[in-house]
Each structure stands twice: as structure tokens, then as C-alpha cells.
Amino acid sequence: MEWLADNIGTIVVGGILLVVIIRIAVKVAGDLRHGKCTCGGECDGCCGCDAGRILPKSDKTEKNS
């Protein structure tokens, strides 16, 4: 019990970090499952977000519709 009392701050912060990391992983996995791209600017593994290409306004509206 003394060990728990001595380390409660570390345990709480570790628990909060664990929850944040799990939520991020679930969000990214859900986005990928629904076809959303998590673009890091690396176009080699691109899923088609056109981040590296400047499109004219008319092309953007046609692509999104």
C-alpha cells in the first residue's frame, strides 16, 4: 500500500497517457476503415487526397461532387 501511495502521481499520469494513446489509435483505425486518408505529406503511399497537387477551383468542385 505504501508503494501505491508513493507512486500515485505516476500511475495517474500513465493512465491518462494510455487512454489518450488508445483513443488516437481507435480514431486512426476508424478513419482508415471508412476510407479517410491520414496524409503525412508523403505521396508515395497516397490514398488519393491530392495534397501534393494544386487543382483549379473547377476541378476541386467536380472531384468533390
C-alpha atoms as a PDB file:
ATOM      1  CA  MET A   1       0.000   0.000   0.000  1.00  0.00           C
ATOM      2  CA  GLU A   2       2.905   2.335   0.681  1.00  0.00           C
ATOM      3  CA  TRP A   3       4.237   1.757  -2.838  1.00  0.00           C
ATOM      4  CA  LEU A   4       0.870   2.765  -4.288  1.00  0.00           C
ATOM      5  CA  ALA A   5       0.776   5.956  -2.227  1.00  0.00           C
ATOM      6  CA  ASP A   6       4.343   6.824  -3.242  1.00  0.00           C
ATOM      7  CA  ASN A   7       3.630   6.350  -6.958  1.00  0.00           C
ATOM      8  CA  ILE A   8       0.034   7.556  -7.324  1.00  0.00           C
ATOM      9  CA  GLY A   9       1.046  10.567  -9.453  1.00  0.00           C
ATOM     10  CA  THR A  10       2.976   8.407 -11.901  1.00  0.00           C
ATOM     11  CA  ILE A  11       0.123   5.903 -12.068  1.00  0.00           C
ATOM     12  CA  VAL A  12      -2.470   8.605 -12.785  1.00  0.00           C
ATOM     13  CA  VAL A  13      -0.356  10.309 -15.479  1.00  0.00           C
ATOM     14  CA  GLY A  14       0.458   6.932 -17.050  1.00  0.00           C
ATOM     15  CA  GLY A  15      -3.231   6.029 -17.087  1.00  0.00           C
ATOM     16  CA  ILE A  16      -4.175   9.312 -18.730  1.00  0.00           C
ATOM     17  CA  LEU A  17      -1.469   8.856 -21.389  1.00  0.00           C
ATOM     18  CA  LEU A  18      -2.629   5.301 -22.022  1.00  0.00           C
ATOM     19  CA  VAL A  19      -6.217   6.472 -22.559  1.00  0.00           C
ATOM     20  CA  VAL A  20      -5.087   9.235 -24.949  1.00  0.00           C
ATOM     21  CA  ILE A  21      -2.930   6.838 -26.980  1.00  0.00           C
ATOM     22  CA  ILE A  22      -5.736   4.273 -27.207  1.00  0.00           C
ATOM     23  CA  ARG A  23      -8.229   6.947 -28.339  1.00  0.00           C
ATOM     24  CA  ILE A  24      -5.819   8.155 -31.035  1.00  0.00           C
ATOM     25  CA  ALA A  25      -5.255   4.601 -32.284  1.00  0.00           C
ATOM     26  CA  VAL A  26      -9.005   3.902 -32.398  1.00  0.00           C
ATOM     27  CA  LYS A  27      -9.641   7.182 -34.257  1.00  0.00           C
ATOM     28  CA  VAL A  28      -6.943   6.478 -36.871  1.00  0.00           C
ATOM     29  CA  ALA A  29      -8.145   2.896 -37.327  1.00  0.00           C
ATOM     30  CA  GLY A  30     -11.734   4.102 -37.755  1.00  0.00           C
ATOM     31  CA  ASP A  31     -10.687   6.750 -40.258  1.00  0.00           C
ATOM     32  CA  LEU A  32      -8.771   4.184 -42.296  1.00  0.00           C
ATOM     33  CA  ARG A  33     -11.702   1.765 -42.144  1.00  0.00           C
ATOM     34  CA  HIS A  34     -14.008   4.481 -43.501  1.00  0.00           C
ATOM     35  CA  GLY A  35     -11.606   5.353 -46.318  1.00  0.00           C
ATOM     36  CA  LYS A  36     -10.273   8.594 -44.886  1.00  0.00           C
ATOM     37  CA  CYS A  37      -6.659   9.386 -45.607  1.00  0.00           C
ATOM     38  CA  THR A  38      -4.195  10.275 -42.867  1.00  0.00           C
ATOM     39  CA  CYS A  39      -1.869  12.310 -45.020  1.00  0.00           C
ATOM     40  CA  GLY A  40       1.611  12.985 -43.765  1.00  0.00           C
ATOM     41  CA  GLY A  41       2.675  14.672 -46.981  1.00  0.00           C
ATOM     42  CA  GLU A  42       4.376  11.529 -48.281  1.00  0.00           C
ATOM     43  CA  CYS A  43       2.780  10.961 -51.679  1.00  0.00           C
ATOM     44  CA  ASP A  44       4.348   7.536 -52.295  1.00  0.00           C
ATOM     45  CA  GLY A  45       1.678   5.831 -50.201  1.00  0.00           C
ATOM     46  CA  CYS A  46      -1.065   8.292 -51.086  1.00  0.00           C
ATOM     47  CA  CYS A  47      -4.693   7.241 -50.999  1.00  0.00           C
ATOM     48  CA  GLY A  48      -5.725  10.000 -53.373  1.00  0.00           C
ATOM     49  CA  CYS A  49      -6.089  13.167 -51.300  1.00  0.00           C
ATOM     50  CA  ASP A  50      -4.331  15.362 -53.916  1.00  0.00           C
ATOM     51  CA  ALA A  51      -2.350  17.229 -51.249  1.00  0.00           C
ATOM     52  CA  GLY A  52       0.700  17.491 -53.480  1.00  0.00           C
ATOM     53  CA  ARG A  53      -1.244  18.876 -56.437  1.00  0.00           C
ATOM     54  CA  ILE A  54      -2.831  22.286 -56.813  1.00  0.00           C
ATOM     55  CA  LEU A  55      -6.168  21.944 -58.533  1.00  0.00           C
ATOM     56  CA  PRO A  56      -8.068  24.749 -60.216  1.00  0.00           C
ATOM     57  CA  LYS A  57     -11.352  25.627 -58.494  1.00  0.00           C
ATOM     58  CA  SER A  58     -13.470  23.939 -61.168  1.00  0.00           C
ATOM     59  CA  ASP A  59     -11.562  20.636 -60.775  1.00  0.00           C
ATOM     60  CA  LYS A  60     -11.974  20.687 -56.983  1.00  0.00           C
ATOM     61  CA  THR A  61     -15.743  21.134 -57.199  1.00  0.00           C
ATOM     62  CA  GLU A  62     -16.052  18.387 -59.810  1.00  0.00           C
ATOM     63  CA  LYS A  63     -13.926  15.990 -57.761  1.00  0.00           C
ATOM     64  CA  ASN A  64     -15.887  16.561 -54.526  1.00  0.00           C
ATOM     65  CA  SER A  65     -19.331  16.236 -56.077  1.00  0.00           C
END
